[in-house]
Amino acid sequence: MKHSGKARKEAFKMILITLVLVALVPVVSFVAFLISATLTAASIFLFLAWGVFALFTLYFFRDPNPRVPAGPGLVVSPGHGKVDVIDTVVEPRFMDGECQRISMFLSVLDVHVQNAPVSGKVGFFKYTEGQFLNAMRTECAECNENVLIGIDASDPPATRIAFRLIAGVLARRIVPWVDVGDEVSRGDRVSLIQFGSRVDVYLPAAAKIKVKLGDRVVGGETILAAFE
């Protein structure tokens, strides 16, 4: 008879389609399980990575209390790091000419809070935009982003001391906590440089330098120079 068996074919077609759909359920469930397991593993990894980052951040931003040395005419290190340059340079903005320079490199493992080298009043503050070259290169002071802070010292009186905070390839932010007119005491916290960086200290010719190349210095504690 005409169209005989077509209904059964439609029935078999529907059965086949539903069979495929039913068979897809465990496949989809298995794929979903794999995705879920992957997401769970990724979540655990991300949480562990965040935990490591959080611990490193707390370690990096540590801020120990300095044991500030007592005595007249002392200049303490403003930064924590390694002295790698001791020379004579011209600093025209605050020191008004030739002066001694002590430069120290701060690695990512060093404390990055800076301390006032002497007591006195902040008489100069200048932020300069620039590049972010590796702070291990001493010439980065000439072209990297930096902040120059000058202090009119009260001990010894009528003496100018300056220090420059220099950003490095990782240090993309300098956070000063002082400004012109602020009174500071030797060892006071004055700034923060985030991650690897450099600090230069500018001293008058009369200052007698007490450190040598390669010395490790501690901010607010190590005596860099003295006026005798």
N, C-alpha and C. Protein backbone atom coordinates (compact mmCIF):
# COMPACT_ATOMS: atom_id res chain seq x y z
N MET A 1 0.84 -1.19 0.00
CA MET A 1 0.00 0.00 0.00
C MET A 1 0.87 1.23 0.00
N LYS A 2 0.32 2.35 -0.48
CA LYS A 2 1.06 3.60 -0.60
C LYS A 2 1.42 4.10 0.79
N HIS A 3 2.70 4.57 0.93
CA HIS A 3 3.26 5.14 2.16
C HIS A 3 3.33 4.14 3.30
N SER A 4 3.29 2.86 2.94
CA SER A 4 3.37 1.84 3.96
C SER A 4 4.75 1.89 4.65
N GLY A 5 4.79 1.82 5.96
CA GLY A 5 6.04 1.78 6.74
C GLY A 5 6.64 3.12 7.09
N LYS A 6 6.09 4.20 6.51
CA LYS A 6 6.69 5.52 6.79
C LYS A 6 6.51 5.93 8.25
N ALA A 7 5.37 5.58 8.84
CA ALA A 7 5.13 5.93 10.24
C ALA A 7 6.15 5.26 11.14
N ARG A 8 6.46 3.95 10.80
CA ARG A 8 7.43 3.23 11.61
C ARG A 8 8.81 3.87 11.47
N LYS A 9 9.11 4.33 10.23
CA LYS A 9 10.40 5.00 10.02
C LYS A 9 10.50 6.26 10.89
N GLU A 10 9.39 7.02 10.94
CA GLU A 10 9.40 8.21 11.78
C GLU A 10 9.58 7.85 13.24
N ALA A 11 8.96 6.71 13.62
CA ALA A 11 9.11 6.26 15.00
C ALA A 11 10.56 5.92 15.30
N PHE A 12 11.18 5.16 14.36
CA PHE A 12 12.59 4.80 14.56
C PHE A 12 13.48 6.05 14.57
N LYS A 13 13.14 7.02 13.71
CA LYS A 13 13.92 8.27 13.67
C LYS A 13 13.85 8.98 15.03
N MET A 14 12.62 9.06 15.58
CA MET A 14 12.45 9.74 16.86
C MET A 14 13.17 8.98 17.96
N ILE A 15 13.08 7.63 17.91
CA ILE A 15 13.79 6.81 18.90
C ILE A 15 15.29 7.05 18.82
N LEU A 16 15.81 7.13 17.58
CA LEU A 16 17.25 7.35 17.39
C LEU A 16 17.67 8.72 17.91
N ILE A 17 16.87 9.73 17.61
CA ILE A 17 17.20 11.08 18.06
C ILE A 17 17.21 11.14 19.59
N THR A 18 16.16 10.54 20.21
CA THR A 18 16.12 10.57 21.68
C THR A 18 17.25 9.75 22.28
N LEU A 19 17.64 8.63 21.59
CA LEU A 19 18.76 7.83 22.07
C LEU A 19 20.05 8.65 22.07
N VAL A 20 20.24 9.41 20.98
CA VAL A 20 21.43 10.27 20.89
C VAL A 20 21.41 11.31 22.01
N LEU A 21 20.24 11.90 22.24
CA LEU A 21 20.15 12.91 23.30
C LEU A 21 20.42 12.30 24.67
N VAL A 22 19.85 11.11 24.91
CA VAL A 22 20.09 10.44 26.18
C VAL A 22 21.57 10.09 26.33
N ALA A 23 22.18 9.63 25.23
CA ALA A 23 23.60 9.25 25.27
C ALA A 23 24.49 10.47 25.53
N LEU A 24 24.01 11.66 25.09
CA LEU A 24 24.80 12.88 25.30
C LEU A 24 24.84 13.30 26.76
N VAL A 25 23.83 12.87 27.55
CA VAL A 25 23.77 13.29 28.95
C VAL A 25 25.02 12.87 29.71
N PRO A 26 25.44 11.58 29.68
CA PRO A 26 26.68 11.24 30.40
C PRO A 26 27.92 11.91 29.80
N VAL A 27 27.89 12.11 28.47
CA VAL A 27 29.04 12.78 27.83
C VAL A 27 29.15 14.22 28.34
N VAL A 28 27.97 14.91 28.33
CA VAL A 28 27.97 16.29 28.84
C VAL A 28 28.34 16.32 30.31
N SER A 29 27.83 15.35 31.08
CA SER A 29 28.15 15.28 32.51
C SER A 29 29.64 15.08 32.71
N PHE A 30 30.25 14.22 31.90
CA PHE A 30 31.68 13.96 32.01
C PHE A 30 32.49 15.20 31.66
N VAL A 31 32.08 15.89 30.57
CA VAL A 31 32.77 17.12 30.19
C VAL A 31 32.62 18.17 31.28
N ALA A 32 31.40 18.27 31.83
CA ALA A 32 31.17 19.22 32.92
C ALA A 32 32.02 18.87 34.13
N PHE A 33 32.17 17.56 34.40
CA PHE A 33 33.02 17.13 35.51
C PHE A 33 34.46 17.55 35.28
N LEU A 34 34.95 17.34 34.04
CA LEU A 34 36.31 17.74 33.73
C LEU A 34 36.50 19.25 33.88
N ILE A 35 35.51 20.01 33.38
CA ILE A 35 35.60 21.47 33.49
C ILE A 35 35.57 21.89 34.96
N SER A 36 34.66 21.25 35.73
CA SER A 36 34.57 21.57 37.15
C SER A 36 35.86 21.25 37.88
N ALA A 37 36.44 20.07 37.57
CA ALA A 37 37.70 19.68 38.20
C ALA A 37 38.81 20.65 37.83
N THR A 38 38.82 21.05 36.55
CA THR A 38 39.83 22.00 36.09
C THR A 38 39.67 23.34 36.79
N LEU A 39 38.42 23.83 36.87
CA LEU A 39 38.16 25.09 37.54
C LEU A 39 38.52 25.01 39.02
N THR A 40 38.22 23.87 39.64
CA THR A 40 38.57 23.70 41.05
C THR A 40 40.08 23.75 41.24
N ALA A 41 40.80 23.02 40.36
CA ALA A 41 42.27 23.02 40.44
C ALA A 41 42.82 24.42 40.19
N ALA A 42 42.23 25.12 39.19
CA ALA A 42 42.68 26.48 38.88
C ALA A 42 42.41 27.41 40.06
N SER A 43 41.26 27.22 40.70
CA SER A 43 40.92 28.06 41.85
C SER A 43 41.90 27.84 43.00
N ILE A 44 42.23 26.58 43.25
CA ILE A 44 43.19 26.26 44.30
C ILE A 44 44.55 26.87 43.98
N PHE A 45 44.98 26.73 42.73
CA PHE A 45 46.27 27.31 42.32
C PHE A 45 46.28 28.82 42.48
N LEU A 46 45.18 29.47 42.02
CA LEU A 46 45.10 30.92 42.13
C LEU A 46 45.11 31.36 43.59
N PHE A 47 44.41 30.62 44.45
CA PHE A 47 44.38 30.97 45.86
C PHE A 47 45.77 30.83 46.48
N LEU A 48 46.47 29.74 46.13
CA LEU A 48 47.82 29.55 46.64
C LEU A 48 48.76 30.64 46.13
N ALA A 49 48.62 30.98 44.82
CA ALA A 49 49.44 32.05 44.25
C ALA A 49 49.16 33.38 44.94
N TRP A 50 47.88 33.64 45.22
CA TRP A 50 47.52 34.87 45.94
C TRP A 50 48.11 34.86 47.34
N GLY A 51 48.09 33.71 47.99
CA GLY A 51 48.67 33.60 49.33
C GLY A 51 50.15 33.92 49.33
N VAL A 52 50.88 33.39 48.32
CA VAL A 52 52.31 33.69 48.20
C VAL A 52 52.51 35.18 47.96
N PHE A 53 51.68 35.76 47.08
CA PHE A 53 51.77 37.19 46.79
C PHE A 53 51.50 38.01 48.04
N ALA A 54 50.48 37.63 48.81
CA ALA A 54 50.12 38.37 50.02
C ALA A 54 51.26 38.33 51.03
N LEU A 55 51.87 37.14 51.21
CA LEU A 55 52.99 37.01 52.14
C LEU A 55 54.17 37.85 51.69
N PHE A 56 54.47 37.81 50.37
CA PHE A 56 55.59 38.61 49.86
C PHE A 56 55.32 40.10 50.02
N THR A 57 54.07 40.50 49.77
CA THR A 57 53.73 41.92 49.91
C THR A 57 53.90 42.38 51.35
N LEU A 58 53.44 41.56 52.30
CA LEU A 58 53.62 41.90 53.71
C LEU A 58 55.11 41.96 54.06
N TYR A 59 55.89 41.03 53.49
CA TYR A 59 57.34 41.04 53.74
C TYR A 59 57.98 42.26 53.11
N PHE A 60 57.58 42.58 51.88
CA PHE A 60 58.19 43.71 51.18
C PHE A 60 57.90 45.03 51.88
N PHE A 61 56.67 45.21 52.36
CA PHE A 61 56.28 46.47 52.98
C PHE A 61 56.55 46.49 54.49
N ARG A 62 57.43 45.62 54.96
CA ARG A 62 57.78 45.63 56.38
C ARG A 62 58.43 46.97 56.73
N ASP A 63 58.25 47.37 57.96
CA ASP A 63 58.70 48.71 58.37
C ASP A 63 59.26 48.65 59.79
N PRO A 64 60.48 48.12 59.94
CA PRO A 64 61.06 47.99 61.29
C PRO A 64 61.38 49.36 61.90
N ASN A 65 61.32 49.43 63.21
CA ASN A 65 61.70 50.65 63.90
C ASN A 65 63.22 50.77 63.93
N PRO A 66 63.78 51.87 63.40
CA PRO A 66 65.24 52.01 63.39
C PRO A 66 65.79 52.31 64.77
N ARG A 67 66.98 51.80 65.04
CA ARG A 67 67.70 52.14 66.27
C ARG A 67 68.60 53.33 65.93
N VAL A 68 68.05 54.51 66.06
CA VAL A 68 68.72 55.74 65.61
C VAL A 68 69.90 56.05 66.54
N PRO A 69 71.10 56.18 65.99
CA PRO A 69 72.26 56.49 66.84
C PRO A 69 72.20 57.91 67.38
N ALA A 70 72.69 58.07 68.60
CA ALA A 70 72.73 59.39 69.22
C ALA A 70 74.12 59.99 69.04
N GLY A 71 74.17 61.32 69.02
CA GLY A 71 75.45 61.99 68.89
C GLY A 71 75.35 63.17 67.95
N PRO A 72 76.21 64.16 68.14
CA PRO A 72 76.16 65.36 67.30
C PRO A 72 76.80 65.14 65.94
N GLY A 73 76.24 65.83 64.93
CA GLY A 73 76.84 65.86 63.61
C GLY A 73 76.81 64.57 62.82
N LEU A 74 75.89 63.67 63.14
CA LEU A 74 75.82 62.38 62.44
C LEU A 74 74.81 62.44 61.28
N VAL A 75 75.16 61.76 60.20
CA VAL A 75 74.25 61.61 59.06
C VAL A 75 73.99 60.12 58.89
N VAL A 76 72.74 59.70 59.07
CA VAL A 76 72.42 58.28 58.95
C VAL A 76 71.91 57.98 57.54
N SER A 77 71.96 56.73 57.19
CA SER A 77 71.50 56.31 55.86
C SER A 77 69.99 56.49 55.74
N PRO A 78 69.53 57.11 54.66
CA PRO A 78 68.08 57.22 54.46
C PRO A 78 67.46 55.93 53.93
N GLY A 79 68.30 55.04 53.37
CA GLY A 79 67.77 53.83 52.76
C GLY A 79 68.45 52.58 53.24
N HIS A 80 67.81 51.44 52.98
CA HIS A 80 68.37 50.12 53.28
C HIS A 80 68.91 49.55 51.97
N GLY A 81 70.14 49.15 51.94
CA GLY A 81 70.68 48.61 50.70
C GLY A 81 72.18 48.45 50.72
N LYS A 82 72.77 48.46 49.54
CA LYS A 82 74.20 48.25 49.39
C LYS A 82 74.83 49.48 48.75
N VAL A 83 75.87 50.02 49.39
CA VAL A 83 76.57 51.19 48.85
C VAL A 83 77.39 50.74 47.64
N ASP A 84 77.10 51.32 46.48
CA ASP A 84 77.85 50.95 45.29
C ASP A 84 78.48 52.14 44.57
N VAL A 85 78.26 53.34 45.09
CA VAL A 85 78.89 54.54 44.49
C VAL A 85 79.24 55.51 45.61
N ILE A 86 80.47 55.97 45.62
CA ILE A 86 80.90 57.09 46.46
C ILE A 86 81.75 57.98 45.55
N ASP A 87 81.23 59.17 45.26
CA ASP A 87 81.95 60.04 44.34
C ASP A 87 81.63 61.50 44.62
N THR A 88 82.07 62.36 43.72
CA THR A 88 81.79 63.79 43.81
C THR A 88 81.00 64.20 42.58
N VAL A 89 79.90 64.91 42.79
CA VAL A 89 79.04 65.33 41.69
C VAL A 89 78.63 66.79 41.89
N VAL A 90 77.96 67.33 40.91
CA VAL A 90 77.39 68.68 41.01
C VAL A 90 75.88 68.54 41.16
N GLU A 91 75.34 69.08 42.24
CA GLU A 91 73.90 69.07 42.47
C GLU A 91 73.48 70.54 42.61
N PRO A 92 72.93 71.13 41.54
CA PRO A 92 72.68 72.57 41.54
C PRO A 92 71.37 73.00 42.18
N ARG A 93 70.42 72.09 42.37
CA ARG A 93 69.08 72.51 42.78
C ARG A 93 68.99 72.87 44.26
N PHE A 94 69.67 72.13 45.09
CA PHE A 94 69.60 72.42 46.53
C PHE A 94 70.99 72.58 47.14
N MET A 95 71.94 71.75 46.72
CA MET A 95 73.29 71.83 47.28
C MET A 95 74.10 72.96 46.67
N ASP A 96 73.60 73.50 45.56
CA ASP A 96 74.23 74.68 44.93
C ASP A 96 75.67 74.44 44.48
N GLY A 97 75.91 73.25 43.93
CA GLY A 97 77.25 73.04 43.36
C GLY A 97 77.81 71.67 43.68
N GLU A 98 79.13 71.60 43.75
CA GLU A 98 79.81 70.33 43.94
C GLU A 98 79.61 69.80 45.35
N CYS A 99 79.40 68.50 45.45
CA CYS A 99 79.18 67.87 46.75
C CYS A 99 79.55 66.39 46.66
N GLN A 100 79.63 65.76 47.81
CA GLN A 100 79.89 64.33 47.85
C GLN A 100 78.58 63.56 47.68
N ARG A 101 78.67 62.42 47.00
CA ARG A 101 77.48 61.59 46.81
C ARG A 101 77.74 60.17 47.29
N ILE A 102 76.80 59.64 48.03
CA ILE A 102 76.79 58.22 48.40
C ILE A 102 75.52 57.63 47.81
N SER A 103 75.67 56.61 46.98
CA SER A 103 74.51 56.02 46.32
C SER A 103 74.37 54.57 46.74
N MET A 104 73.14 54.15 46.99
CA MET A 104 72.89 52.78 47.42
C MET A 104 71.79 52.15 46.58
N PHE A 105 71.97 50.88 46.28
CA PHE A 105 70.97 50.13 45.51
C PHE A 105 70.10 49.33 46.45
N LEU A 106 68.78 49.42 46.25
CA LEU A 106 67.81 48.68 47.05
C LEU A 106 67.22 47.56 46.21
N SER A 107 67.49 46.32 46.58
CA SER A 107 66.91 45.19 45.86
C SER A 107 65.49 44.97 46.34
N VAL A 108 64.76 44.07 45.68
CA VAL A 108 63.37 43.80 46.08
C VAL A 108 63.30 43.14 47.45
N LEU A 109 64.43 42.65 47.97
CA LEU A 109 64.44 42.01 49.28
C LEU A 109 64.74 43.00 50.41
N ASP A 110 65.14 44.23 50.05
CA ASP A 110 65.46 45.23 51.07
C ASP A 110 64.20 45.93 51.57
N VAL A 111 64.30 46.51 52.77
CA VAL A 111 63.23 47.38 53.27
C VAL A 111 63.17 48.61 52.38
N HIS A 112 61.97 49.05 52.02
CA HIS A 112 61.84 50.17 51.08
C HIS A 112 61.21 51.42 51.70
N VAL A 113 61.20 51.49 53.03
CA VAL A 113 60.84 52.72 53.73
C VAL A 113 62.12 53.53 53.90
N GLN A 114 62.07 54.83 53.63
CA GLN A 114 63.24 55.69 53.79
C GLN A 114 63.11 56.55 55.04
N ASN A 115 64.29 56.91 55.59
CA ASN A 115 64.34 57.66 56.85
C ASN A 115 65.12 58.95 56.67
N ALA A 116 64.79 59.94 57.48
CA ALA A 116 65.49 61.23 57.41
C ALA A 116 66.94 61.04 57.83
N PRO A 117 67.89 61.51 57.03
CA PRO A 117 69.31 61.33 57.39
C PRO A 117 69.76 62.23 58.53
N VAL A 118 69.11 63.39 58.67
CA VAL A 118 69.46 64.35 59.73
C VAL A 118 68.18 65.00 60.24
N SER A 119 68.33 65.70 61.37
CA SER A 119 67.21 66.49 61.89
C SER A 119 67.23 67.87 61.23
N GLY A 120 66.06 68.44 61.04
CA GLY A 120 65.98 69.77 60.44
C GLY A 120 64.63 70.02 59.80
N LYS A 121 64.62 70.94 58.84
CA LYS A 121 63.39 71.30 58.14
C LYS A 121 63.55 71.01 56.65
N VAL A 122 62.49 70.43 56.07
CA VAL A 122 62.52 70.17 54.62
C VAL A 122 62.48 71.51 53.90
N GLY A 123 63.57 71.82 53.19
CA GLY A 123 63.67 73.10 52.50
C GLY A 123 63.51 73.00 51.00
N PHE A 124 63.45 71.76 50.49
CA PHE A 124 63.34 71.60 49.04
C PHE A 124 62.65 70.27 48.76
N PHE A 125 61.76 70.29 47.74
CA PHE A 125 61.07 69.07 47.31
C PHE A 125 60.80 69.20 45.82
N LYS A 126 61.31 68.26 45.04
CA LYS A 126 61.13 68.33 43.59
C LYS A 126 60.90 66.93 43.03
N TYR A 127 59.71 66.73 42.44
CA TYR A 127 59.40 65.49 41.73
C TYR A 127 59.71 65.67 40.25
N THR A 128 60.41 64.69 39.67
CA THR A 128 60.77 64.75 38.26
C THR A 128 60.31 63.48 37.56
N GLU A 129 59.52 63.64 36.51
CA GLU A 129 59.09 62.48 35.73
C GLU A 129 60.28 61.93 34.94
N GLY A 130 60.20 60.67 34.58
CA GLY A 130 61.30 60.09 33.81
C GLY A 130 61.01 58.66 33.42
N GLN A 131 62.08 57.93 33.10
CA GLN A 131 61.96 56.55 32.66
C GLN A 131 62.01 55.62 33.87
N PHE A 132 62.04 54.32 33.58
CA PHE A 132 62.11 53.32 34.63
C PHE A 132 63.20 52.31 34.27
N LEU A 133 64.43 52.80 34.15
CA LEU A 133 65.55 51.93 33.84
C LEU A 133 65.93 51.12 35.07
N ASN A 134 66.71 50.07 34.86
CA ASN A 134 67.16 49.23 35.96
C ASN A 134 67.93 50.08 36.97
N ALA A 135 67.51 50.04 38.24
CA ALA A 135 68.13 50.87 39.27
C ALA A 135 69.55 50.43 39.61
N MET A 136 69.97 49.27 39.10
CA MET A 136 71.35 48.84 39.33
C MET A 136 72.32 49.71 38.53
N ARG A 137 71.80 50.38 37.52
CA ARG A 137 72.64 51.27 36.71
C ARG A 137 72.69 52.63 37.40
N THR A 138 73.89 53.07 37.78
CA THR A 138 74.02 54.31 38.54
C THR A 138 73.56 55.53 37.75
N GLU A 139 73.62 55.45 36.43
CA GLU A 139 73.21 56.60 35.62
C GLU A 139 71.69 56.78 35.59
N CYS A 140 70.95 55.84 36.20
CA CYS A 140 69.48 55.96 36.21
C CYS A 140 69.04 57.22 36.96
N ALA A 141 69.90 57.75 37.84
CA ALA A 141 69.54 58.97 38.58
C ALA A 141 69.32 60.14 37.65
N GLU A 142 69.94 60.11 36.48
CA GLU A 142 69.85 61.22 35.54
C GLU A 142 68.60 61.17 34.69
N CYS A 143 67.98 59.98 34.54
CA CYS A 143 66.87 59.88 33.60
C CYS A 143 65.63 59.19 34.18
N ASN A 144 65.73 58.54 35.32
CA ASN A 144 64.57 57.86 35.89
C ASN A 144 63.68 58.82 36.68
N GLU A 145 62.44 58.41 36.86
CA GLU A 145 61.54 59.16 37.73
C GLU A 145 62.18 59.25 39.12
N ASN A 146 62.17 60.44 39.71
CA ASN A 146 62.82 60.60 41.01
C ASN A 146 62.22 61.76 41.79
N VAL A 147 62.51 61.76 43.09
CA VAL A 147 62.11 62.85 43.98
C VAL A 147 63.36 63.30 44.73
N LEU A 148 63.68 64.59 44.64
CA LEU A 148 64.81 65.15 45.36
C LEU A 148 64.29 65.91 46.58
N ILE A 149 64.78 65.54 47.76
CA ILE A 149 64.37 66.18 49.01
C ILE A 149 65.60 66.80 49.67
N GLY A 150 65.51 68.08 49.98
CA GLY A 150 66.60 68.77 50.64
C GLY A 150 66.22 69.15 52.06
N ILE A 151 67.16 68.97 53.01
CA ILE A 151 66.91 69.29 54.40
C ILE A 151 67.91 70.35 54.88
N ASP A 152 67.38 71.42 55.46
CA ASP A 152 68.20 72.41 56.15
C ASP A 152 68.42 71.86 57.55
N ALA A 153 69.61 71.29 57.76
CA ALA A 153 69.88 70.57 59.00
C ALA A 153 69.98 71.50 60.21
N SER A 154 69.53 71.00 61.34
CA SER A 154 69.70 71.72 62.60
C SER A 154 70.93 71.22 63.35
N ASP A 155 71.49 70.09 62.90
CA ASP A 155 72.69 69.53 63.53
C ASP A 155 73.55 68.88 62.44
N PRO A 156 74.66 69.50 62.04
CA PRO A 156 75.10 70.83 62.49
C PRO A 156 74.25 71.92 61.83
N PRO A 157 74.12 73.05 62.48
CA PRO A 157 73.28 74.13 61.94
C PRO A 157 73.86 74.71 60.66
N ALA A 158 72.98 75.33 59.87
CA ALA A 158 73.37 75.98 58.62
C ALA A 158 74.05 75.01 57.66
N THR A 159 73.61 73.75 57.68
CA THR A 159 74.15 72.72 56.79
C THR A 159 73.04 72.15 55.94
N ARG A 160 73.34 71.91 54.68
CA ARG A 160 72.34 71.33 53.77
C ARG A 160 72.70 69.89 53.44
N ILE A 161 71.70 69.02 53.56
CA ILE A 161 71.82 67.61 53.19
C ILE A 161 70.65 67.30 52.25
N ALA A 162 70.92 66.58 51.17
CA ALA A 162 69.85 66.21 50.24
C ALA A 162 69.90 64.72 49.95
N PHE A 163 68.77 64.18 49.58
CA PHE A 163 68.75 62.78 49.13
C PHE A 163 67.71 62.64 48.02
N ARG A 164 68.01 61.74 47.09
CA ARG A 164 67.16 61.55 45.91
C ARG A 164 66.58 60.13 45.93
N LEU A 165 65.27 60.02 45.82
CA LEU A 165 64.58 58.75 45.72
C LEU A 165 64.40 58.44 44.24
N ILE A 166 64.90 57.30 43.79
CA ILE A 166 64.93 57.00 42.36
C ILE A 166 64.16 55.71 42.08
N ALA A 167 63.20 55.79 41.18
CA ALA A 167 62.43 54.61 40.78
C ALA A 167 63.27 53.71 39.88
N GLY A 168 62.99 52.40 39.93
CA GLY A 168 63.70 51.45 39.09
C GLY A 168 62.78 50.82 38.07
N VAL A 169 63.24 49.70 37.50
CA VAL A 169 62.45 49.03 36.46
C VAL A 169 61.16 48.43 37.05
N LEU A 170 61.19 48.06 38.33
CA LEU A 170 60.00 47.54 38.99
C LEU A 170 59.31 48.59 39.85
N ALA A 171 60.10 49.52 40.38
CA ALA A 171 59.53 50.54 41.26
C ALA A 171 58.85 51.61 40.43
N ARG A 172 57.56 51.56 40.35
CA ARG A 172 56.80 52.50 39.52
C ARG A 172 56.07 53.54 40.35
N ARG A 173 56.37 53.59 41.64
CA ARG A 173 55.68 54.56 42.46
C ARG A 173 56.55 54.98 43.64
N ILE A 174 56.76 56.28 43.76
CA ILE A 174 57.46 56.85 44.91
C ILE A 174 56.41 57.56 45.76
N VAL A 175 56.39 57.24 47.06
CA VAL A 175 55.36 57.79 47.95
C VAL A 175 56.04 58.62 49.04
N PRO A 176 56.20 59.94 48.83
CA PRO A 176 56.80 60.78 49.88
C PRO A 176 55.78 61.07 50.97
N TRP A 177 56.27 61.18 52.20
CA TRP A 177 55.42 61.49 53.33
C TRP A 177 55.76 62.86 53.94
N VAL A 178 56.62 63.61 53.28
CA VAL A 178 56.99 64.94 53.79
C VAL A 178 56.89 65.94 52.64
N ASP A 179 56.89 67.22 53.01
CA ASP A 179 56.86 68.29 52.01
C ASP A 179 57.62 69.48 52.58
N VAL A 180 57.79 70.49 51.74
CA VAL A 180 58.53 71.67 52.14
C VAL A 180 57.91 72.29 53.40
N GLY A 181 58.77 72.61 54.36
CA GLY A 181 58.31 73.21 55.61
C GLY A 181 58.15 72.23 56.75
N ASP A 182 58.12 70.93 56.44
CA ASP A 182 57.97 69.92 57.50
C ASP A 182 59.25 69.80 58.33
N GLU A 183 59.08 69.66 59.63
CA GLU A 183 60.20 69.39 60.53
C GLU A 183 60.40 67.88 60.64
N VAL A 184 61.63 67.43 60.56
CA VAL A 184 61.93 66.01 60.69
C VAL A 184 63.05 65.82 61.70
N SER A 185 63.05 64.66 62.31
CA SER A 185 64.13 64.27 63.21
C SER A 185 64.91 63.13 62.58
N ARG A 186 66.17 63.05 62.91
CA ARG A 186 67.02 61.98 62.38
C ARG A 186 66.35 60.63 62.60
N GLY A 187 66.21 59.86 61.51
CA GLY A 187 65.61 58.54 61.58
C GLY A 187 64.12 58.50 61.34
N ASP A 188 63.45 59.66 61.26
CA ASP A 188 62.01 59.67 60.97
C ASP A 188 61.71 59.04 59.62
N ARG A 189 60.58 58.36 59.53
CA ARG A 189 60.15 57.82 58.25
C ARG A 189 59.70 58.98 57.36
N VAL A 190 60.21 59.00 56.12
CA VAL A 190 59.90 60.12 55.23
C VAL A 190 59.31 59.70 53.89
N SER A 191 59.47 58.43 53.50
CA SER A 191 58.98 58.04 52.17
C SER A 191 58.99 56.53 52.00
N LEU A 192 58.43 56.12 50.87
CA LEU A 192 58.39 54.71 50.48
C LEU A 192 58.60 54.62 48.98
N ILE A 193 59.49 53.72 48.56
CA ILE A 193 59.63 53.43 47.13
C ILE A 193 59.21 51.98 46.94
N GLN A 194 58.28 51.74 46.04
CA GLN A 194 57.78 50.38 45.87
C GLN A 194 58.68 49.58 44.93
N PHE A 195 59.20 48.47 45.47
CA PHE A 195 60.05 47.50 44.78
C PHE A 195 61.42 48.09 44.46
N GLY A 196 62.26 47.37 43.67
CA GLY A 196 63.67 47.72 43.49
C GLY A 196 63.89 49.17 43.12
N SER A 197 64.90 49.80 43.71
CA SER A 197 65.09 51.23 43.50
C SER A 197 66.48 51.64 43.96
N ARG A 198 66.71 52.96 44.03
CA ARG A 198 68.01 53.51 44.42
C ARG A 198 67.79 54.80 45.22
N VAL A 199 68.72 55.06 46.15
CA VAL A 199 68.70 56.31 46.91
C VAL A 199 70.09 56.93 46.85
N ASP A 200 70.15 58.20 46.46
CA ASP A 200 71.40 58.97 46.46
C ASP A 200 71.37 59.97 47.61
N VAL A 201 72.51 60.12 48.28
CA VAL A 201 72.63 61.09 49.36
C VAL A 201 73.71 62.10 48.97
N TYR A 202 73.41 63.39 49.13
CA TYR A 202 74.34 64.46 48.77
C TYR A 202 74.81 65.16 50.04
N LEU A 203 76.13 65.24 50.19
CA LEU A 203 76.74 65.77 51.41
C LEU A 203 77.72 66.89 51.09
N PRO A 204 77.85 67.88 51.99
CA PRO A 204 78.86 68.92 51.80
C PRO A 204 80.27 68.33 51.88
N ALA A 205 81.23 69.05 51.37
CA ALA A 205 82.61 68.58 51.38
C ALA A 205 83.14 68.39 52.79
N ALA A 206 82.57 69.12 53.77
CA ALA A 206 83.04 69.04 55.15
C ALA A 206 82.66 67.73 55.84
N ALA A 207 81.72 67.00 55.28
CA ALA A 207 81.28 65.74 55.89
C ALA A 207 82.33 64.67 55.68
N LYS A 208 82.64 63.94 56.73
CA LYS A 208 83.61 62.84 56.65
C LYS A 208 82.84 61.54 56.48
N ILE A 209 83.03 60.89 55.34
CA ILE A 209 82.29 59.67 55.01
C ILE A 209 82.78 58.50 55.86
N LYS A 210 81.84 57.74 56.41
CA LYS A 210 82.15 56.63 57.31
C LYS A 210 81.87 55.25 56.72
N VAL A 211 81.41 55.19 55.48
CA VAL A 211 81.14 53.90 54.86
C VAL A 211 82.05 53.73 53.65
N LYS A 212 82.09 52.53 53.14
CA LYS A 212 82.91 52.24 51.96
C LYS A 212 82.09 51.43 50.96
N LEU A 213 82.59 51.32 49.74
CA LEU A 213 81.89 50.57 48.71
C LEU A 213 81.65 49.13 49.15
N GLY A 214 80.45 48.65 48.88
CA GLY A 214 80.10 47.28 49.23
C GLY A 214 79.44 47.12 50.58
N ASP A 215 79.46 48.18 51.39
CA ASP A 215 78.84 48.09 52.71
C ASP A 215 77.32 47.96 52.60
N ARG A 216 76.75 47.15 53.47
CA ARG A 216 75.30 47.08 53.61
C ARG A 216 74.88 48.11 54.66
N VAL A 217 73.90 48.93 54.31
CA VAL A 217 73.46 49.99 55.23
C VAL A 217 72.01 49.78 55.61
N VAL A 218 71.65 50.27 56.80
CA VAL A 218 70.30 50.14 57.33
C VAL A 218 69.72 51.53 57.51
N GLY A 219 68.56 51.77 56.94
CA GLY A 219 67.93 53.07 57.01
C GLY A 219 67.66 53.52 58.43
N GLY A 220 68.08 54.75 58.76
CA GLY A 220 67.86 55.30 60.07
C GLY A 220 68.84 54.83 61.12
N GLU A 221 69.75 53.90 60.76
CA GLU A 221 70.69 53.33 61.73
C GLU A 221 72.15 53.52 61.35
N THR A 222 72.50 53.12 60.14
CA THR A 222 73.90 53.15 59.72
C THR A 222 74.39 54.59 59.57
N ILE A 223 75.53 54.90 60.17
CA ILE A 223 76.11 56.24 60.04
C ILE A 223 76.86 56.32 58.72
N LEU A 224 76.35 57.18 57.82
CA LEU A 224 77.02 57.38 56.53
C LEU A 224 78.18 58.34 56.63
N ALA A 225 78.00 59.40 57.43
CA ALA A 225 79.01 60.45 57.50
C ALA A 225 78.86 61.20 58.82
N ALA A 226 79.87 61.99 59.13
CA ALA A 226 79.83 62.79 60.36
C ALA A 226 80.53 64.11 60.12
N PHE A 227 80.09 65.12 60.83
CA PHE A 227 80.74 66.42 60.82
C PHE A 227 81.56 66.52 62.11
N GLU A 228 82.87 66.57 61.97
CA GLU A 228 83.75 66.52 63.15
C GLU A 228 84.44 67.85 63.37
